[in-house]
């Protein structure tokens, strides 16, 4: 999808329809633009591998951001093209992983580790989690999860020859993923419509 088609799709669809039909479909620029040479293999295999490492369905994995379309959908980046400094943003839905990690965060907070709240409060309110390095966590569960995610990132990058940073968010449910991204698309729609006037 070229940039003009992308803008038209955003402009003419409802935000939820755009997310469900375009953002979360199986077409991903990172794997389809062979001339870019940014990844080998297929998107389906990528989703399978990530899901397999984290014990969740491949249907619970999605690439978003500029690696999805070749252009950023962040409202403040004005459709900036994927560039040498761009990273790969991955959505992971795992209720068990989210709930288990959240429970450990609460336990750590009760034990006096106030930095947990400062580091993760904004994420938790949006119902996703991004773990820091394993050395930051005091419980075995959190260290093990952080190590598991770091190993997943390393193996997936190596297996698909991805040379960019791979970022992720672990969500509780797809409804939470949609809510987050619909909000961003609504802001983007306002920009696209104002640019057309």
N, C-alpha and C. Protein backbone atom coordinates (compact mmCIF):
# COMPACT_ATOMS: atom_id res chain seq x y z
N UNK A 1 0.85 -1.18 0.00
CA UNK A 1 0.00 0.00 0.00
C UNK A 1 0.89 1.24 0.00
N UNK A 2 0.69 2.11 -0.98
CA UNK A 2 1.48 3.32 -1.00
C UNK A 2 0.90 4.35 -0.01
N UNK A 3 1.62 5.44 0.18
CA UNK A 3 1.24 6.42 1.20
C UNK A 3 -0.13 7.04 0.92
N UNK A 4 -0.40 7.38 -0.34
CA UNK A 4 -1.70 8.00 -0.65
C UNK A 4 -2.85 7.04 -0.41
N UNK A 5 -2.67 5.77 -0.76
CA UNK A 5 -3.71 4.77 -0.49
C UNK A 5 -3.91 4.59 1.01
N UNK A 6 -2.81 4.60 1.75
CA UNK A 6 -2.90 4.47 3.20
C UNK A 6 -3.68 5.63 3.80
N UNK A 7 -3.36 6.84 3.38
CA UNK A 7 -4.08 8.02 3.89
C UNK A 7 -5.56 7.96 3.53
N UNK A 8 -5.87 7.52 2.33
CA UNK A 8 -7.27 7.42 1.91
C UNK A 8 -8.00 6.37 2.74
N UNK A 9 -7.34 5.26 3.00
CA UNK A 9 -7.94 4.19 3.82
C UNK A 9 -8.25 4.73 5.22
N UNK A 10 -7.30 5.47 5.79
CA UNK A 10 -7.50 6.04 7.12
C UNK A 10 -8.63 7.06 7.10
N UNK A 11 -8.66 7.87 6.05
CA UNK A 11 -9.65 8.94 5.96
C UNK A 11 -11.08 8.42 5.77
N UNK A 12 -11.23 7.35 5.01
CA UNK A 12 -12.57 6.88 4.64
C UNK A 12 -13.11 5.75 5.51
N UNK A 13 -12.30 5.18 6.36
CA UNK A 13 -12.75 4.10 7.24
C UNK A 13 -12.99 4.63 8.64
N UNK A 14 -13.83 3.95 9.40
CA UNK A 14 -13.89 4.26 10.83
C UNK A 14 -12.58 3.76 11.43
N UNK A 15 -12.21 4.29 12.57
CA UNK A 15 -10.93 3.90 13.20
C UNK A 15 -10.92 2.41 13.52
N UNK A 16 -12.02 1.89 14.02
CA UNK A 16 -12.06 0.46 14.38
C UNK A 16 -12.01 -0.40 13.13
N UNK A 17 -12.68 0.02 12.06
CA UNK A 17 -12.64 -0.74 10.82
C UNK A 17 -11.23 -0.74 10.24
N UNK A 18 -10.55 0.41 10.26
CA UNK A 18 -9.19 0.48 9.76
C UNK A 18 -8.30 -0.49 10.55
N UNK A 19 -8.42 -0.48 11.87
CA UNK A 19 -7.60 -1.37 12.70
C UNK A 19 -7.86 -2.83 12.35
N UNK A 20 -9.12 -3.21 12.28
CA UNK A 20 -9.45 -4.63 12.07
C UNK A 20 -9.15 -5.09 10.64
N UNK A 21 -9.38 -4.23 9.65
CA UNK A 21 -9.19 -4.66 8.26
C UNK A 21 -7.79 -4.40 7.73
N UNK A 22 -7.15 -3.36 8.19
CA UNK A 22 -5.85 -2.98 7.62
C UNK A 22 -4.67 -3.14 8.58
N UNK A 23 -4.82 -2.63 9.79
CA UNK A 23 -3.69 -2.67 10.72
C UNK A 23 -3.39 -4.10 11.19
N UNK A 24 -4.42 -4.88 11.45
CA UNK A 24 -4.20 -6.22 11.99
C UNK A 24 -4.37 -7.33 10.96
N UNK A 25 -4.28 -7.00 9.67
CA UNK A 25 -4.37 -8.06 8.67
C UNK A 25 -2.99 -8.72 8.49
N UNK A 26 -2.89 -9.66 7.56
CA UNK A 26 -1.66 -10.45 7.42
C UNK A 26 -0.65 -9.86 6.44
N UNK A 27 -0.92 -8.67 5.92
CA UNK A 27 0.04 -8.02 5.03
C UNK A 27 0.94 -7.10 5.83
N UNK A 28 2.23 -7.37 5.79
CA UNK A 28 3.19 -6.57 6.57
C UNK A 28 4.35 -6.17 5.66
N UNK A 29 4.53 -4.87 5.51
CA UNK A 29 5.56 -4.32 4.62
C UNK A 29 6.94 -4.91 4.91
N UNK A 30 7.27 -5.08 6.16
CA UNK A 30 8.59 -5.60 6.55
C UNK A 30 8.91 -6.91 5.84
N UNK A 31 7.90 -7.78 5.69
CA UNK A 31 8.11 -9.08 5.06
C UNK A 31 7.76 -9.10 3.57
N UNK A 32 7.03 -8.09 3.12
CA UNK A 32 6.60 -8.09 1.71
C UNK A 32 7.52 -7.28 0.80
N UNK A 33 8.21 -6.29 1.33
CA UNK A 33 9.10 -5.48 0.51
C UNK A 33 10.48 -6.14 0.48
N UNK A 34 10.66 -7.04 -0.47
CA UNK A 34 11.92 -7.78 -0.56
C UNK A 34 13.10 -6.88 -0.90
N UNK A 35 12.83 -5.77 -1.59
CA UNK A 35 13.92 -4.87 -1.97
C UNK A 35 14.55 -4.19 -0.75
N UNK A 36 13.77 -4.09 0.33
CA UNK A 36 14.31 -3.44 1.53
C UNK A 36 15.32 -4.34 2.24
N UNK A 37 15.18 -5.66 2.11
CA UNK A 37 16.11 -6.60 2.72
C UNK A 37 16.17 -6.51 4.24
N UNK A 38 15.02 -6.24 4.86
CA UNK A 38 14.99 -6.02 6.31
C UNK A 38 14.66 -7.27 7.11
N UNK A 39 14.13 -8.28 6.44
CA UNK A 39 13.78 -9.53 7.11
C UNK A 39 13.69 -10.64 6.08
N UNK A 40 13.93 -11.86 6.52
CA UNK A 40 13.72 -13.03 5.66
C UNK A 40 12.57 -13.83 6.24
N UNK A 41 12.02 -14.74 5.45
CA UNK A 41 10.93 -15.58 5.93
C UNK A 41 9.59 -14.91 5.70
N UNK A 42 8.60 -15.42 6.41
CA UNK A 42 7.23 -14.91 6.23
C UNK A 42 6.68 -14.38 7.54
N UNK A 43 5.68 -13.52 7.40
CA UNK A 43 5.00 -12.97 8.57
C UNK A 43 4.33 -14.07 9.38
N UNK A 44 3.72 -15.03 8.70
CA UNK A 44 3.08 -16.14 9.41
C UNK A 44 4.08 -16.90 10.26
N UNK A 45 5.28 -17.17 9.69
CA UNK A 45 6.32 -17.86 10.47
C UNK A 45 6.79 -17.00 11.64
N UNK A 46 6.91 -15.70 11.42
CA UNK A 46 7.30 -14.78 12.49
C UNK A 46 6.30 -14.86 13.64
N UNK A 47 5.02 -14.77 13.32
CA UNK A 47 3.99 -14.84 14.36
C UNK A 47 4.02 -16.18 15.09
N UNK A 48 4.22 -17.25 14.34
CA UNK A 48 4.30 -18.57 14.95
C UNK A 48 5.46 -18.64 15.93
N UNK A 49 6.63 -18.16 15.52
CA UNK A 49 7.82 -18.24 16.39
C UNK A 49 7.64 -17.42 17.66
N UNK A 50 7.16 -16.19 17.53
CA UNK A 50 6.95 -15.35 18.71
C UNK A 50 5.94 -16.02 19.64
N UNK A 51 4.81 -16.47 19.07
CA UNK A 51 3.80 -17.14 19.88
C UNK A 51 4.32 -18.39 20.54
N UNK A 52 5.13 -19.14 19.82
CA UNK A 52 5.69 -20.38 20.35
C UNK A 52 6.61 -20.11 21.53
N UNK A 53 7.47 -19.11 21.42
CA UNK A 53 8.39 -18.78 22.52
C UNK A 53 7.63 -18.34 23.76
N UNK A 54 6.49 -17.66 23.59
CA UNK A 54 5.77 -17.09 24.72
C UNK A 54 4.50 -17.88 25.06
N UNK A 55 4.33 -19.02 24.43
CA UNK A 55 3.21 -19.92 24.70
C UNK A 55 1.85 -19.23 24.54
N UNK A 56 1.70 -18.57 23.39
CA UNK A 56 0.42 -17.97 23.05
C UNK A 56 0.17 -18.20 21.56
N UNK A 57 -1.05 -18.10 21.14
CA UNK A 57 -1.41 -18.36 19.74
C UNK A 57 -0.75 -17.37 18.80
N UNK A 58 -0.35 -17.81 17.60
CA UNK A 58 0.15 -16.87 16.59
C UNK A 58 -0.87 -15.79 16.26
N UNK A 59 -2.15 -16.09 16.43
CA UNK A 59 -3.20 -15.11 16.18
C UNK A 59 -3.16 -13.97 17.19
N UNK A 60 -2.39 -14.13 18.25
CA UNK A 60 -2.25 -13.11 19.29
C UNK A 60 -1.02 -12.22 19.08
N UNK A 61 -0.41 -12.31 17.89
CA UNK A 61 0.81 -11.57 17.59
C UNK A 61 0.54 -10.66 16.39
N UNK A 62 1.02 -9.42 16.45
CA UNK A 62 0.87 -8.51 15.30
C UNK A 62 2.02 -7.52 15.27
N UNK A 63 2.51 -7.24 14.07
CA UNK A 63 3.46 -6.15 13.87
C UNK A 63 2.65 -4.89 13.58
N UNK A 64 3.00 -3.81 14.27
CA UNK A 64 2.34 -2.52 14.07
C UNK A 64 3.43 -1.48 13.81
N UNK A 65 3.06 -0.23 13.71
CA UNK A 65 4.05 0.82 13.51
C UNK A 65 4.54 0.88 12.08
N UNK A 66 5.68 1.54 11.87
CA UNK A 66 6.17 1.77 10.52
C UNK A 66 6.57 0.49 9.80
N UNK A 67 6.91 -0.57 10.53
CA UNK A 67 7.24 -1.85 9.90
C UNK A 67 6.00 -2.50 9.28
N UNK A 68 4.83 -2.11 9.70
CA UNK A 68 3.58 -2.66 9.17
C UNK A 68 3.30 -2.13 7.76
N UNK A 69 3.37 -0.81 7.58
CA UNK A 69 3.01 -0.19 6.30
C UNK A 69 4.20 0.44 5.56
N UNK A 70 5.32 0.58 6.25
CA UNK A 70 6.45 1.31 5.67
C UNK A 70 6.42 2.78 6.04
N UNK A 71 5.35 3.18 6.78
CA UNK A 71 5.17 4.56 7.22
C UNK A 71 4.64 4.56 8.65
N UNK A 72 5.10 5.51 9.43
CA UNK A 72 4.65 5.60 10.82
C UNK A 72 3.20 6.04 10.90
N UNK A 73 2.46 5.46 11.85
CA UNK A 73 1.09 5.87 12.12
C UNK A 73 1.00 6.70 13.39
N UNK A 74 2.14 7.02 13.97
CA UNK A 74 2.12 7.86 15.17
C UNK A 74 1.68 9.26 14.75
N UNK A 75 0.64 9.80 15.40
CA UNK A 75 0.10 11.10 14.98
C UNK A 75 1.12 12.23 14.92
N UNK A 76 2.19 12.17 15.71
CA UNK A 76 3.18 13.25 15.72
C UNK A 76 4.30 13.06 14.70
N UNK A 77 4.29 11.92 13.98
CA UNK A 77 5.40 11.65 13.04
C UNK A 77 5.03 11.88 11.59
N UNK A 78 3.79 12.26 11.32
CA UNK A 78 3.36 12.68 9.98
C UNK A 78 3.73 11.67 8.89
N UNK A 79 3.42 10.40 9.13
CA UNK A 79 3.64 9.33 8.15
C UNK A 79 5.10 9.19 7.74
N UNK A 80 5.99 9.42 8.67
CA UNK A 80 7.43 9.31 8.38
C UNK A 80 7.73 7.91 7.86
N UNK A 81 8.50 7.83 6.79
CA UNK A 81 8.85 6.55 6.19
C UNK A 81 9.77 5.75 7.11
N UNK A 82 9.67 4.43 7.03
CA UNK A 82 10.58 3.54 7.73
C UNK A 82 12.00 3.92 7.32
N UNK A 83 12.89 4.07 8.28
CA UNK A 83 14.24 4.59 8.01
C UNK A 83 15.27 3.80 8.81
N UNK A 84 16.56 4.07 8.63
CA UNK A 84 17.60 3.29 9.31
C UNK A 84 17.47 3.25 10.84
N UNK A 85 16.86 4.25 11.45
CA UNK A 85 16.70 4.26 12.90
C UNK A 85 15.39 3.64 13.38
N UNK A 86 14.55 3.21 12.44
CA UNK A 86 13.24 2.65 12.82
C UNK A 86 13.40 1.30 13.50
N UNK A 87 12.47 1.00 14.38
CA UNK A 87 12.47 -0.30 15.04
C UNK A 87 11.21 -1.06 14.64
N UNK A 88 11.09 -2.29 15.14
CA UNK A 88 9.96 -3.16 14.84
C UNK A 88 9.10 -3.24 16.10
N UNK A 89 7.83 -2.84 15.98
CA UNK A 89 6.90 -2.85 17.11
C UNK A 89 5.98 -4.06 17.01
N UNK A 90 5.96 -4.86 18.07
CA UNK A 90 5.19 -6.10 18.07
C UNK A 90 4.18 -6.08 19.21
N UNK A 91 2.94 -6.40 18.87
CA UNK A 91 1.87 -6.57 19.85
C UNK A 91 1.80 -8.04 20.21
N UNK A 92 1.75 -8.34 21.50
CA UNK A 92 1.61 -9.72 21.98
C UNK A 92 0.44 -9.74 22.96
N UNK A 93 -0.56 -10.57 22.67
CA UNK A 93 -1.68 -10.72 23.59
C UNK A 93 -1.52 -12.04 24.32
N UNK A 94 -1.39 -11.96 25.63
CA UNK A 94 -1.27 -13.16 26.47
C UNK A 94 -1.88 -12.86 27.83
N UNK A 95 -3.16 -13.21 28.01
CA UNK A 95 -3.80 -12.94 29.31
C UNK A 95 -3.03 -13.56 30.48
N UNK A 96 -2.53 -14.79 30.30
CA UNK A 96 -1.83 -15.46 31.40
C UNK A 96 -0.54 -14.73 31.75
N UNK A 97 0.22 -14.35 30.73
CA UNK A 97 1.49 -13.65 30.96
C UNK A 97 1.24 -12.27 31.57
N UNK A 98 0.24 -11.57 31.06
CA UNK A 98 -0.08 -10.25 31.60
C UNK A 98 -0.52 -10.35 33.05
N UNK A 99 -1.48 -11.23 33.33
CA UNK A 99 -2.03 -11.34 34.69
C UNK A 99 -0.97 -11.81 35.68
N UNK A 100 -0.16 -12.78 35.28
CA UNK A 100 0.89 -13.28 36.17
C UNK A 100 1.91 -12.19 36.49
N UNK A 101 2.29 -11.42 35.48
CA UNK A 101 3.26 -10.34 35.68
C UNK A 101 2.66 -9.23 36.53
N UNK A 102 1.41 -8.89 36.25
CA UNK A 102 0.73 -7.85 37.03
C UNK A 102 0.65 -8.25 38.50
N UNK A 103 0.33 -9.50 38.78
CA UNK A 103 0.25 -9.98 40.17
C UNK A 103 1.61 -9.84 40.85
N UNK A 104 2.69 -10.14 40.12
CA UNK A 104 4.03 -10.02 40.69
C UNK A 104 4.42 -8.56 40.91
N UNK A 105 3.97 -7.68 40.03
CA UNK A 105 4.21 -6.25 40.23
C UNK A 105 3.56 -5.78 41.54
N UNK A 106 2.32 -6.20 41.75
CA UNK A 106 1.61 -5.79 42.97
C UNK A 106 2.32 -6.33 44.21
N UNK A 107 2.76 -7.58 44.13
CA UNK A 107 3.47 -8.19 45.25
C UNK A 107 4.77 -7.43 45.54
N UNK A 108 5.51 -7.09 44.49
CA UNK A 108 6.77 -6.34 44.66
C UNK A 108 6.49 -4.97 45.27
N UNK A 109 5.41 -4.33 44.83
CA UNK A 109 5.06 -3.01 45.37
C UNK A 109 4.73 -3.11 46.85
N UNK A 110 4.00 -4.14 47.24
CA UNK A 110 3.66 -4.35 48.65
C UNK A 110 4.90 -4.62 49.50
N UNK A 111 5.93 -5.15 48.88
CA UNK A 111 7.19 -5.43 49.59
C UNK A 111 8.12 -4.22 49.61
N UNK A 112 7.64 -3.09 49.07
CA UNK A 112 8.41 -1.86 49.19
C UNK A 112 9.19 -1.45 47.96
N UNK A 113 9.03 -2.15 46.85
CA UNK A 113 9.76 -1.78 45.64
C UNK A 113 8.94 -0.74 44.87
N UNK A 114 9.03 0.52 45.35
CA UNK A 114 8.22 1.60 44.79
C UNK A 114 8.54 1.90 43.32
N UNK A 115 9.75 1.57 42.87
CA UNK A 115 10.12 1.86 41.49
C UNK A 115 9.22 1.12 40.50
N UNK A 116 8.64 -0.01 40.93
CA UNK A 116 7.73 -0.77 40.06
C UNK A 116 6.58 0.13 39.62
N UNK A 117 6.01 0.86 40.58
CA UNK A 117 4.88 1.73 40.25
C UNK A 117 5.33 2.85 39.31
N UNK A 118 6.47 3.46 39.60
CA UNK A 118 6.95 4.54 38.74
C UNK A 118 7.25 4.06 37.33
N UNK A 119 7.81 2.87 37.21
CA UNK A 119 8.21 2.34 35.90
C UNK A 119 7.03 1.81 35.10
N UNK A 120 6.05 1.19 35.76
CA UNK A 120 5.02 0.45 35.02
C UNK A 120 3.60 0.99 35.15
N UNK A 121 3.35 2.02 35.93
CA UNK A 121 1.98 2.50 36.16
C UNK A 121 1.28 2.93 34.87
N UNK A 122 1.97 3.70 34.02
CA UNK A 122 1.35 4.16 32.78
C UNK A 122 1.00 3.01 31.85
N UNK A 123 1.82 1.97 31.85
CA UNK A 123 1.54 0.79 31.04
C UNK A 123 0.30 0.06 31.57
N UNK A 124 0.31 -0.19 32.87
CA UNK A 124 -0.75 -1.00 33.47
C UNK A 124 -2.12 -0.35 33.26
N UNK A 125 -2.20 0.96 33.35
CA UNK A 125 -3.48 1.64 33.18
C UNK A 125 -4.00 1.44 31.75
N UNK A 126 -3.07 1.23 30.81
CA UNK A 126 -3.46 0.97 29.41
C UNK A 126 -3.56 -0.53 29.14
N UNK A 127 -3.31 -1.34 30.15
CA UNK A 127 -3.40 -2.80 30.11
C UNK A 127 -2.40 -3.45 29.17
N UNK A 128 -1.15 -2.95 29.21
CA UNK A 128 -0.05 -3.66 28.57
C UNK A 128 1.17 -3.56 29.47
N UNK A 129 2.17 -4.37 29.17
CA UNK A 129 3.40 -4.41 29.97
C UNK A 129 4.60 -4.49 29.04
N UNK A 130 5.65 -3.75 29.39
CA UNK A 130 6.96 -3.88 28.75
C UNK A 130 7.95 -4.08 29.89
N UNK A 131 8.64 -5.20 29.88
CA UNK A 131 9.55 -5.51 30.98
C UNK A 131 10.92 -4.87 30.75
N UNK A 132 11.55 -4.48 31.85
CA UNK A 132 12.93 -4.01 31.81
C UNK A 132 13.83 -5.23 31.78
N UNK A 133 15.14 -5.01 31.79
CA UNK A 133 16.08 -6.12 31.85
C UNK A 133 15.86 -6.95 33.11
N UNK A 134 16.20 -8.22 33.06
CA UNK A 134 15.92 -9.14 34.17
C UNK A 134 16.60 -8.74 35.48
N UNK A 135 17.72 -8.01 35.39
CA UNK A 135 18.45 -7.64 36.61
C UNK A 135 17.68 -6.66 37.49
N UNK A 136 16.62 -6.05 36.96
CA UNK A 136 15.86 -5.07 37.72
C UNK A 136 14.84 -5.68 38.67
N UNK A 137 14.49 -6.94 38.46
CA UNK A 137 13.36 -7.52 39.19
C UNK A 137 13.81 -8.40 40.34
N UNK A 138 13.01 -8.33 41.42
CA UNK A 138 13.38 -9.01 42.66
C UNK A 138 12.79 -10.41 42.79
N UNK A 139 11.74 -10.73 42.02
CA UNK A 139 11.14 -12.05 42.16
C UNK A 139 11.63 -12.97 41.05
N UNK A 140 11.68 -14.25 41.35
CA UNK A 140 12.12 -15.24 40.36
C UNK A 140 11.20 -15.23 39.16
N UNK A 141 9.91 -15.12 39.39
CA UNK A 141 8.93 -15.11 38.30
C UNK A 141 9.23 -13.97 37.32
N UNK A 142 9.40 -12.77 37.83
CA UNK A 142 9.64 -11.61 36.95
C UNK A 142 10.98 -11.73 36.23
N UNK A 143 12.00 -12.20 36.92
CA UNK A 143 13.30 -12.39 36.26
C UNK A 143 13.18 -13.43 35.15
N UNK A 144 12.47 -14.53 35.44
CA UNK A 144 12.32 -15.59 34.43
C UNK A 144 11.54 -15.09 33.21
N UNK A 145 10.49 -14.33 33.45
CA UNK A 145 9.70 -13.79 32.33
C UNK A 145 10.54 -12.81 31.52
N UNK A 146 11.27 -11.93 32.20
CA UNK A 146 12.12 -10.96 31.50
C UNK A 146 13.17 -11.68 30.65
N UNK A 147 13.78 -12.73 31.19
CA UNK A 147 14.77 -13.51 30.44
C UNK A 147 14.11 -14.20 29.25
N UNK A 148 12.93 -14.78 29.46
CA UNK A 148 12.22 -15.46 28.37
C UNK A 148 11.94 -14.50 27.22
N UNK A 149 11.49 -13.29 27.55
CA UNK A 149 11.19 -12.30 26.51
C UNK A 149 12.47 -11.84 25.80
N UNK A 150 13.55 -11.64 26.56
CA UNK A 150 14.81 -11.25 25.94
C UNK A 150 15.32 -12.34 24.99
N UNK A 151 15.18 -13.60 25.41
CA UNK A 151 15.61 -14.71 24.55
C UNK A 151 14.75 -14.79 23.30
N UNK A 152 13.45 -14.57 23.45
CA UNK A 152 12.55 -14.56 22.29
C UNK A 152 13.01 -13.51 21.29
N UNK A 153 13.25 -12.30 21.78
CA UNK A 153 13.68 -11.21 20.89
C UNK A 153 14.96 -11.58 20.16
N UNK A 154 15.92 -12.12 20.88
CA UNK A 154 17.20 -12.48 20.27
C UNK A 154 17.03 -13.55 19.20
N UNK A 155 16.29 -14.60 19.53
CA UNK A 155 16.13 -15.71 18.59
C UNK A 155 15.33 -15.32 17.36
N UNK A 156 14.29 -14.53 17.58
CA UNK A 156 13.47 -14.10 16.45
C UNK A 156 14.28 -13.18 15.53
N UNK A 157 15.03 -12.27 16.11
CA UNK A 157 15.87 -11.38 15.29
C UNK A 157 16.88 -12.18 14.48
N UNK A 158 17.51 -13.16 15.12
CA UNK A 158 18.50 -13.99 14.42
C UNK A 158 17.82 -14.83 13.34
N UNK A 159 16.72 -15.49 13.69
CA UNK A 159 16.04 -16.40 12.76
C UNK A 159 15.51 -15.72 11.53
N UNK A 160 15.06 -14.47 11.68
CA UNK A 160 14.48 -13.74 10.55
C UNK A 160 15.44 -12.65 10.02
N UNK A 161 16.68 -12.69 10.52
CA UNK A 161 17.73 -11.76 10.10
C UNK A 161 17.29 -10.31 10.19
N UNK A 162 16.64 -9.99 11.29
CA UNK A 162 16.19 -8.62 11.55
C UNK A 162 17.31 -7.89 12.28
N UNK A 163 17.76 -6.80 11.70
CA UNK A 163 18.87 -6.07 12.29
C UNK A 163 18.42 -4.84 13.06
N UNK A 164 17.15 -4.65 13.21
CA UNK A 164 16.59 -3.50 13.93
C UNK A 164 16.19 -3.92 15.34
N UNK A 165 15.99 -2.92 16.21
CA UNK A 165 15.48 -3.21 17.55
C UNK A 165 14.07 -3.78 17.42
N UNK A 166 13.77 -4.73 18.26
CA UNK A 166 12.44 -5.33 18.27
C UNK A 166 11.79 -4.96 19.61
N UNK A 167 10.77 -4.11 19.55
CA UNK A 167 10.04 -3.69 20.74
C UNK A 167 8.74 -4.46 20.84
N UNK A 168 8.23 -4.62 22.03
CA UNK A 168 7.00 -5.38 22.20
C UNK A 168 6.17 -4.76 23.31
N UNK A 169 4.90 -5.08 23.27
CA UNK A 169 3.98 -4.79 24.37
C UNK A 169 3.16 -6.04 24.61
N UNK A 170 3.09 -6.46 25.86
CA UNK A 170 2.27 -7.62 26.22
C UNK A 170 0.95 -7.10 26.75
N UNK A 171 -0.12 -7.43 26.06
CA UNK A 171 -1.46 -6.96 26.43
C UNK A 171 -2.26 -8.07 27.12
N UNK A 172 -3.29 -7.64 27.85
CA UNK A 172 -4.18 -8.58 28.52
C UNK A 172 -5.18 -9.19 27.54
N UNK A 173 -5.63 -8.40 26.54
CA UNK A 173 -6.67 -8.87 25.61
C UNK A 173 -6.64 -8.04 24.34
N UNK A 174 -7.23 -8.58 23.26
CA UNK A 174 -7.29 -7.85 22.00
C UNK A 174 -8.12 -6.58 22.11
N UNK A 175 -9.13 -6.59 22.97
CA UNK A 175 -9.90 -5.36 23.18
C UNK A 175 -9.00 -4.21 23.62
N UNK A 176 -8.01 -4.52 24.44
CA UNK A 176 -7.08 -3.49 24.93
C UNK A 176 -6.16 -3.01 23.80
N UNK A 177 -5.74 -3.93 22.94
CA UNK A 177 -4.93 -3.57 21.77
C UNK A 177 -5.73 -2.63 20.87
N UNK A 178 -6.96 -3.03 20.58
CA UNK A 178 -7.81 -2.22 19.71
C UNK A 178 -8.06 -0.83 20.30
N UNK A 179 -8.36 -0.77 21.59
CA UNK A 179 -8.63 0.51 22.23
C UNK A 179 -7.44 1.45 22.09
N UNK A 180 -6.24 0.93 22.32
CA UNK A 180 -5.03 1.74 22.23
C UNK A 180 -4.84 2.26 20.80
N UNK A 181 -4.95 1.37 19.82
CA UNK A 181 -4.68 1.76 18.44
C UNK A 181 -5.81 2.56 17.81
N UNK A 182 -7.04 2.30 18.18
CA UNK A 182 -8.16 3.11 17.69
C UNK A 182 -7.98 4.56 18.11
N UNK A 183 -7.55 4.78 19.33
CA UNK A 183 -7.32 6.14 19.81
C UNK A 183 -6.28 6.86 18.95
N UNK A 184 -5.19 6.17 18.61
CA UNK A 184 -4.16 6.76 17.77
C UNK A 184 -4.65 7.04 16.36
N UNK A 185 -5.44 6.12 15.80
CA UNK A 185 -5.97 6.30 14.44
C UNK A 185 -6.96 7.46 14.41
N UNK A 186 -7.75 7.63 15.45
CA UNK A 186 -8.69 8.76 15.50
C UNK A 186 -7.93 10.09 15.45
N UNK A 187 -6.82 10.17 16.15
CA UNK A 187 -6.00 11.39 16.11
C UNK A 187 -5.41 11.59 14.71
N UNK A 188 -4.98 10.49 14.10
CA UNK A 188 -4.41 10.55 12.76
C UNK A 188 -5.47 10.98 11.74
N UNK A 189 -6.70 10.50 11.92
CA UNK A 189 -7.79 10.90 11.02
C UNK A 189 -8.02 12.39 11.05
N UNK A 190 -7.96 12.97 12.23
CA UNK A 190 -8.13 14.43 12.34
C UNK A 190 -7.05 15.15 11.55
N UNK A 191 -5.82 14.68 11.60
CA UNK A 191 -4.73 15.30 10.85
C UNK A 191 -4.92 15.14 9.35
N UNK A 192 -5.29 13.93 8.93
CA UNK A 192 -5.48 13.67 7.49
C UNK A 192 -6.61 14.53 6.95
N UNK A 193 -7.70 14.65 7.68
CA UNK A 193 -8.83 15.44 7.21
C UNK A 193 -8.50 16.93 7.20
N UNK A 194 -7.74 17.40 8.18
CA UNK A 194 -7.38 18.83 8.20
C UNK A 194 -6.38 19.16 7.09
N UNK A 195 -5.50 18.20 6.74
CA UNK A 195 -4.55 18.41 5.64
C UNK A 195 -5.26 18.51 4.29
N UNK A 196 -6.41 17.80 4.19
CA UNK A 196 -7.15 17.79 2.92
C UNK A 196 -7.93 19.08 2.70
N UNK A 197 -8.11 19.88 3.75
CA UNK A 197 -8.93 21.10 3.63
C UNK A 197 -8.09 22.28 3.16
